[in-house]
Amino acid sequence: MPDQSGRVTGYVLTAPVCPVERVGQQCPPRPVSRAAVVALSGEAVRGSTLTDMEGAFSLTLPEGRYVIQATNVGGYASTASEPVVVSDTPVHITLIVDSGIR
């Protein structure tokens, strides 16, 4: 029986993006292009990619449990992660990394 695999797709966004957020003014998270995205099984990297210009990514991985981790680009290298179970059902996640704006 061949090994089964599945897909993890998603977006990497950064927030906050406005120095001051005010009631009634929208300041949504922004996409992060060229963010590093890795699939970890324990401490081992099982897959990696970079986000596109819209912050989107896609990984094809063997079935199993992973932590998907994204690292912001630029001077403030924050990370965000989410545990997922990869199977024949596609998984879609959004990871929000800290922009460092305060």
N, C-alpha and C. Protein backbone atom coordinates (compact mmCIF):
# COMPACT_ATOMS: atom_id res chain seq x y z
N MET A 1 0.85 -1.17 0.00
CA MET A 1 0.00 0.00 0.00
C MET A 1 0.90 1.25 0.00
N PRO A 2 0.68 2.18 -0.92
CA PRO A 2 1.51 3.38 -0.98
C PRO A 2 1.25 4.30 0.22
N ASP A 3 2.29 5.07 0.57
CA ASP A 3 2.13 6.04 1.66
C ASP A 3 1.08 7.06 1.26
N GLN A 4 0.25 7.42 2.21
CA GLN A 4 -0.79 8.41 1.96
C GLN A 4 -0.25 9.80 2.32
N SER A 5 -0.73 10.81 1.63
CA SER A 5 -0.31 12.17 1.93
C SER A 5 -1.52 13.09 1.90
N GLY A 6 -1.31 14.29 2.37
CA GLY A 6 -2.37 15.28 2.39
C GLY A 6 -1.78 16.66 2.24
N ARG A 7 -2.67 17.64 2.12
CA ARG A 7 -2.23 19.01 1.90
C ARG A 7 -2.60 19.91 3.07
N VAL A 8 -1.68 20.81 3.37
CA VAL A 8 -1.93 21.88 4.32
C VAL A 8 -1.75 23.17 3.53
N THR A 9 -2.80 23.98 3.48
CA THR A 9 -2.73 25.27 2.82
C THR A 9 -3.10 26.34 3.83
N GLY A 10 -2.74 27.56 3.51
CA GLY A 10 -3.11 28.63 4.41
C GLY A 10 -2.47 29.94 4.06
N TYR A 11 -2.57 30.85 5.04
CA TYR A 11 -2.03 32.19 4.89
C TYR A 11 -1.22 32.54 6.12
N VAL A 12 -0.19 33.38 5.91
CA VAL A 12 0.56 33.97 7.00
C VAL A 12 0.28 35.47 6.96
N LEU A 13 -0.26 35.97 8.06
CA LEU A 13 -0.60 37.39 8.18
C LEU A 13 0.18 37.98 9.34
N THR A 14 0.32 39.31 9.34
CA THR A 14 0.98 39.99 10.45
C THR A 14 0.05 41.04 11.04
N ALA A 15 0.14 41.19 12.37
CA ALA A 15 -0.68 42.16 13.09
C ALA A 15 0.04 42.49 14.39
N PRO A 16 -0.20 43.60 15.01
CA PRO A 16 -0.97 44.73 14.49
C PRO A 16 -0.19 45.45 13.40
N VAL A 17 -0.92 46.19 12.54
CA VAL A 17 -0.28 46.90 11.45
C VAL A 17 -0.46 48.41 11.53
N CYS A 18 -1.25 48.86 12.49
CA CYS A 18 -1.44 50.29 12.71
C CYS A 18 -0.85 50.65 14.07
N PRO A 19 -0.11 51.77 14.15
CA PRO A 19 0.48 52.16 15.43
C PRO A 19 -0.57 52.39 16.51
N VAL A 20 -1.73 52.91 16.11
CA VAL A 20 -2.83 53.14 17.04
C VAL A 20 -4.11 52.68 16.37
N GLU A 21 -4.81 51.74 17.01
CA GLU A 21 -6.09 51.29 16.47
C GLU A 21 -7.20 52.05 17.17
N ARG A 22 -8.12 52.58 16.37
CA ARG A 22 -9.22 53.37 16.92
C ARG A 22 -10.54 52.68 16.61
N VAL A 23 -11.51 52.84 17.51
CA VAL A 23 -12.83 52.27 17.32
C VAL A 23 -13.42 52.81 16.02
N GLY A 24 -13.94 51.91 15.21
CA GLY A 24 -14.58 52.30 13.96
C GLY A 24 -13.63 52.39 12.78
N GLN A 25 -12.33 52.27 12.99
CA GLN A 25 -11.37 52.30 11.89
C GLN A 25 -10.80 50.89 11.71
N GLN A 26 -10.86 50.42 10.50
CA GLN A 26 -10.37 49.08 10.20
C GLN A 26 -8.85 49.08 10.09
N CYS A 27 -8.25 48.10 10.67
CA CYS A 27 -6.80 47.91 10.57
C CYS A 27 -6.53 46.40 10.57
N PRO A 28 -6.96 45.72 9.47
CA PRO A 28 -6.85 44.25 9.44
C PRO A 28 -5.41 43.79 9.29
N PRO A 29 -5.14 42.56 9.68
CA PRO A 29 -3.80 41.99 9.47
C PRO A 29 -3.43 42.03 7.99
N ARG A 30 -2.13 42.08 7.71
CA ARG A 30 -1.64 42.13 6.33
C ARG A 30 -0.90 40.84 5.99
N PRO A 31 -0.95 40.44 4.70
CA PRO A 31 -0.21 39.25 4.27
C PRO A 31 1.30 39.45 4.42
N VAL A 32 1.99 38.36 4.71
CA VAL A 32 3.45 38.37 4.79
C VAL A 32 4.00 37.56 3.61
N SER A 33 4.65 38.24 2.68
CA SER A 33 5.25 37.52 1.55
C SER A 33 6.66 37.06 1.93
N ARG A 34 7.03 35.90 1.40
CA ARG A 34 8.35 35.29 1.62
C ARG A 34 8.59 34.87 3.08
N ALA A 35 7.51 34.65 3.84
CA ALA A 35 7.66 34.11 5.19
C ALA A 35 8.01 32.63 5.10
N ALA A 36 8.90 32.18 5.98
CA ALA A 36 9.27 30.77 6.03
C ALA A 36 8.20 29.99 6.77
N VAL A 37 7.72 28.90 6.16
CA VAL A 37 6.73 28.02 6.76
C VAL A 37 7.32 26.62 6.81
N VAL A 38 7.31 26.01 7.99
CA VAL A 38 7.85 24.66 8.14
C VAL A 38 6.82 23.75 8.80
N ALA A 39 6.90 22.46 8.46
CA ALA A 39 6.09 21.43 9.10
C ALA A 39 7.02 20.63 9.99
N LEU A 40 6.74 20.64 11.30
CA LEU A 40 7.57 19.95 12.27
C LEU A 40 6.87 18.70 12.78
N SER A 41 7.63 17.61 12.85
CA SER A 41 7.18 16.40 13.50
C SER A 41 8.16 16.20 14.65
N GLY A 42 7.75 16.60 15.85
CA GLY A 42 8.69 16.67 16.95
C GLY A 42 9.64 17.82 16.67
N GLU A 43 10.93 17.52 16.67
CA GLU A 43 11.94 18.55 16.35
C GLU A 43 12.36 18.50 14.88
N ALA A 44 11.91 17.48 14.15
CA ALA A 44 12.34 17.29 12.77
C ALA A 44 11.49 18.08 11.78
N VAL A 45 12.14 18.75 10.84
CA VAL A 45 11.44 19.46 9.77
C VAL A 45 11.07 18.44 8.70
N ARG A 46 9.79 18.31 8.40
CA ARG A 46 9.30 17.34 7.42
C ARG A 46 8.88 17.99 6.11
N GLY A 47 8.83 19.33 6.09
CA GLY A 47 8.48 20.05 4.88
C GLY A 47 8.67 21.53 5.12
N SER A 48 8.94 22.27 4.04
CA SER A 48 9.09 23.71 4.18
C SER A 48 8.77 24.41 2.87
N THR A 49 8.41 25.69 2.99
CA THR A 49 8.10 26.50 1.82
C THR A 49 8.16 27.96 2.22
N LEU A 50 8.01 28.84 1.25
CA LEU A 50 7.88 30.27 1.49
C LEU A 50 6.51 30.72 1.01
N THR A 51 5.96 31.73 1.67
CA THR A 51 4.67 32.26 1.23
C THR A 51 4.84 33.07 -0.05
N ASP A 52 3.75 33.18 -0.82
CA ASP A 52 3.77 33.99 -2.03
C ASP A 52 3.46 35.46 -1.69
N MET A 53 3.25 36.27 -2.68
CA MET A 53 3.02 37.71 -2.47
C MET A 53 1.74 38.00 -1.66
N GLU A 54 0.78 37.07 -1.67
CA GLU A 54 -0.47 37.24 -0.91
C GLU A 54 -0.39 36.58 0.46
N GLY A 55 0.78 36.05 0.82
CA GLY A 55 0.93 35.38 2.11
C GLY A 55 0.45 33.94 2.12
N ALA A 56 0.14 33.38 0.94
CA ALA A 56 -0.39 32.02 0.84
C ALA A 56 0.74 30.99 0.78
N PHE A 57 0.44 29.79 1.30
CA PHE A 57 1.40 28.69 1.22
C PHE A 57 0.65 27.39 1.04
N SER A 58 1.39 26.36 0.59
CA SER A 58 0.84 25.02 0.41
C SER A 58 1.95 24.01 0.66
N LEU A 59 1.65 23.00 1.46
CA LEU A 59 2.58 21.91 1.74
C LEU A 59 1.88 20.58 1.50
N THR A 60 2.55 19.65 0.87
CA THR A 60 2.06 18.28 0.75
C THR A 60 2.94 17.43 1.66
N LEU A 61 2.28 16.74 2.60
CA LEU A 61 2.99 15.99 3.64
C LEU A 61 2.42 14.59 3.79
N PRO A 62 3.25 13.64 4.25
CA PRO A 62 2.71 12.32 4.58
C PRO A 62 1.68 12.46 5.71
N GLU A 63 0.73 11.55 5.75
CA GLU A 63 -0.26 11.58 6.83
C GLU A 63 0.43 11.57 8.18
N GLY A 64 -0.13 12.30 9.13
CA GLY A 64 0.45 12.34 10.46
C GLY A 64 0.14 13.63 11.18
N ARG A 65 0.73 13.79 12.35
CA ARG A 65 0.55 14.99 13.17
C ARG A 65 1.77 15.89 13.02
N TYR A 66 1.50 17.17 12.82
CA TYR A 66 2.55 18.15 12.60
C TYR A 66 2.23 19.44 13.36
N VAL A 67 3.25 20.24 13.56
CA VAL A 67 3.07 21.62 13.97
C VAL A 67 3.54 22.45 12.79
N ILE A 68 2.64 23.27 12.26
CA ILE A 68 2.99 24.16 11.16
C ILE A 68 3.42 25.48 11.79
N GLN A 69 4.62 25.92 11.43
CA GLN A 69 5.19 27.12 12.05
C GLN A 69 5.60 28.11 10.97
N ALA A 70 5.24 29.38 11.17
CA ALA A 70 5.62 30.44 10.24
C ALA A 70 6.45 31.47 10.99
N THR A 71 7.46 32.00 10.30
CA THR A 71 8.32 33.02 10.88
C THR A 71 8.21 34.29 10.05
N ASN A 72 7.94 35.40 10.73
CA ASN A 72 7.84 36.70 10.09
C ASN A 72 9.17 37.06 9.44
N VAL A 73 9.13 37.86 8.40
CA VAL A 73 10.35 38.34 7.74
C VAL A 73 10.71 39.72 8.29
N GLY A 74 11.91 40.13 8.08
CA GLY A 74 12.32 41.47 8.51
C GLY A 74 12.99 41.46 9.86
N GLY A 75 13.06 42.64 10.45
CA GLY A 75 13.79 42.83 11.69
C GLY A 75 13.17 42.18 12.91
N TYR A 76 11.85 41.93 12.89
CA TYR A 76 11.18 41.35 14.04
C TYR A 76 10.74 39.94 13.68
N ALA A 77 11.58 38.96 13.97
CA ALA A 77 11.36 37.58 13.54
C ALA A 77 10.49 36.81 14.53
N SER A 78 9.22 37.15 14.60
CA SER A 78 8.30 36.42 15.48
C SER A 78 7.78 35.18 14.75
N THR A 79 7.27 34.23 15.52
CA THR A 79 6.73 33.01 14.93
C THR A 79 5.31 32.77 15.42
N ALA A 80 4.58 32.01 14.64
CA ALA A 80 3.25 31.54 15.02
C ALA A 80 3.18 30.09 14.60
N SER A 81 2.44 29.28 15.36
CA SER A 81 2.34 27.87 15.01
C SER A 81 0.96 27.33 15.35
N GLU A 82 0.65 26.22 14.69
CA GLU A 82 -0.64 25.55 14.93
C GLU A 82 -0.46 24.06 14.67
N PRO A 83 -0.96 23.22 15.62
CA PRO A 83 -0.91 21.78 15.39
C PRO A 83 -1.98 21.37 14.38
N VAL A 84 -1.65 20.43 13.51
CA VAL A 84 -2.59 19.92 12.51
C VAL A 84 -2.44 18.42 12.39
N VAL A 85 -3.47 17.79 11.88
CA VAL A 85 -3.44 16.38 11.52
C VAL A 85 -3.64 16.30 10.02
N VAL A 86 -2.64 15.76 9.33
CA VAL A 86 -2.69 15.64 7.88
C VAL A 86 -3.26 14.27 7.52
N SER A 87 -4.26 14.30 6.65
CA SER A 87 -4.88 13.08 6.16
C SER A 87 -5.34 13.34 4.73
N ASP A 88 -6.27 12.53 4.24
CA ASP A 88 -6.76 12.75 2.88
C ASP A 88 -7.71 13.94 2.80
N THR A 89 -8.06 14.53 3.95
CA THR A 89 -8.90 15.73 3.99
C THR A 89 -7.98 16.95 4.08
N PRO A 90 -8.05 17.88 3.11
CA PRO A 90 -7.17 19.05 3.15
C PRO A 90 -7.38 19.88 4.42
N VAL A 91 -6.30 20.48 4.90
CA VAL A 91 -6.32 21.33 6.09
C VAL A 91 -6.00 22.75 5.65
N HIS A 92 -6.76 23.72 6.13
CA HIS A 92 -6.50 25.13 5.82
C HIS A 92 -6.37 25.90 7.13
N ILE A 93 -5.27 26.64 7.28
CA ILE A 93 -5.04 27.40 8.51
C ILE A 93 -4.58 28.82 8.17
N THR A 94 -4.72 29.71 9.14
CA THR A 94 -4.18 31.05 9.06
C THR A 94 -3.31 31.28 10.27
N LEU A 95 -2.05 31.66 10.03
CA LEU A 95 -1.10 31.93 11.10
C LEU A 95 -0.86 33.44 11.14
N ILE A 96 -0.98 34.03 12.32
CA ILE A 96 -0.76 35.47 12.48
C ILE A 96 0.49 35.70 13.31
N VAL A 97 1.52 36.25 12.67
CA VAL A 97 2.77 36.57 13.34
C VAL A 97 2.73 38.00 13.86
N ASP A 98 3.46 38.24 14.93
CA ASP A 98 3.49 39.55 15.56
C ASP A 98 4.34 40.50 14.72
N SER A 99 3.80 41.69 14.43
CA SER A 99 4.52 42.67 13.61
C SER A 99 5.56 43.45 14.41
N GLY A 100 5.42 43.45 15.73
CA GLY A 100 6.34 44.22 16.56
C GLY A 100 5.90 45.65 16.80
N ILE A 101 4.81 46.08 16.14
CA ILE A 101 4.31 47.45 16.34
C ILE A 101 3.65 47.54 17.70
N ARG A 102 4.01 48.56 18.44
CA ARG A 102 3.39 48.79 19.76
C ARG A 102 3.05 50.23 19.93
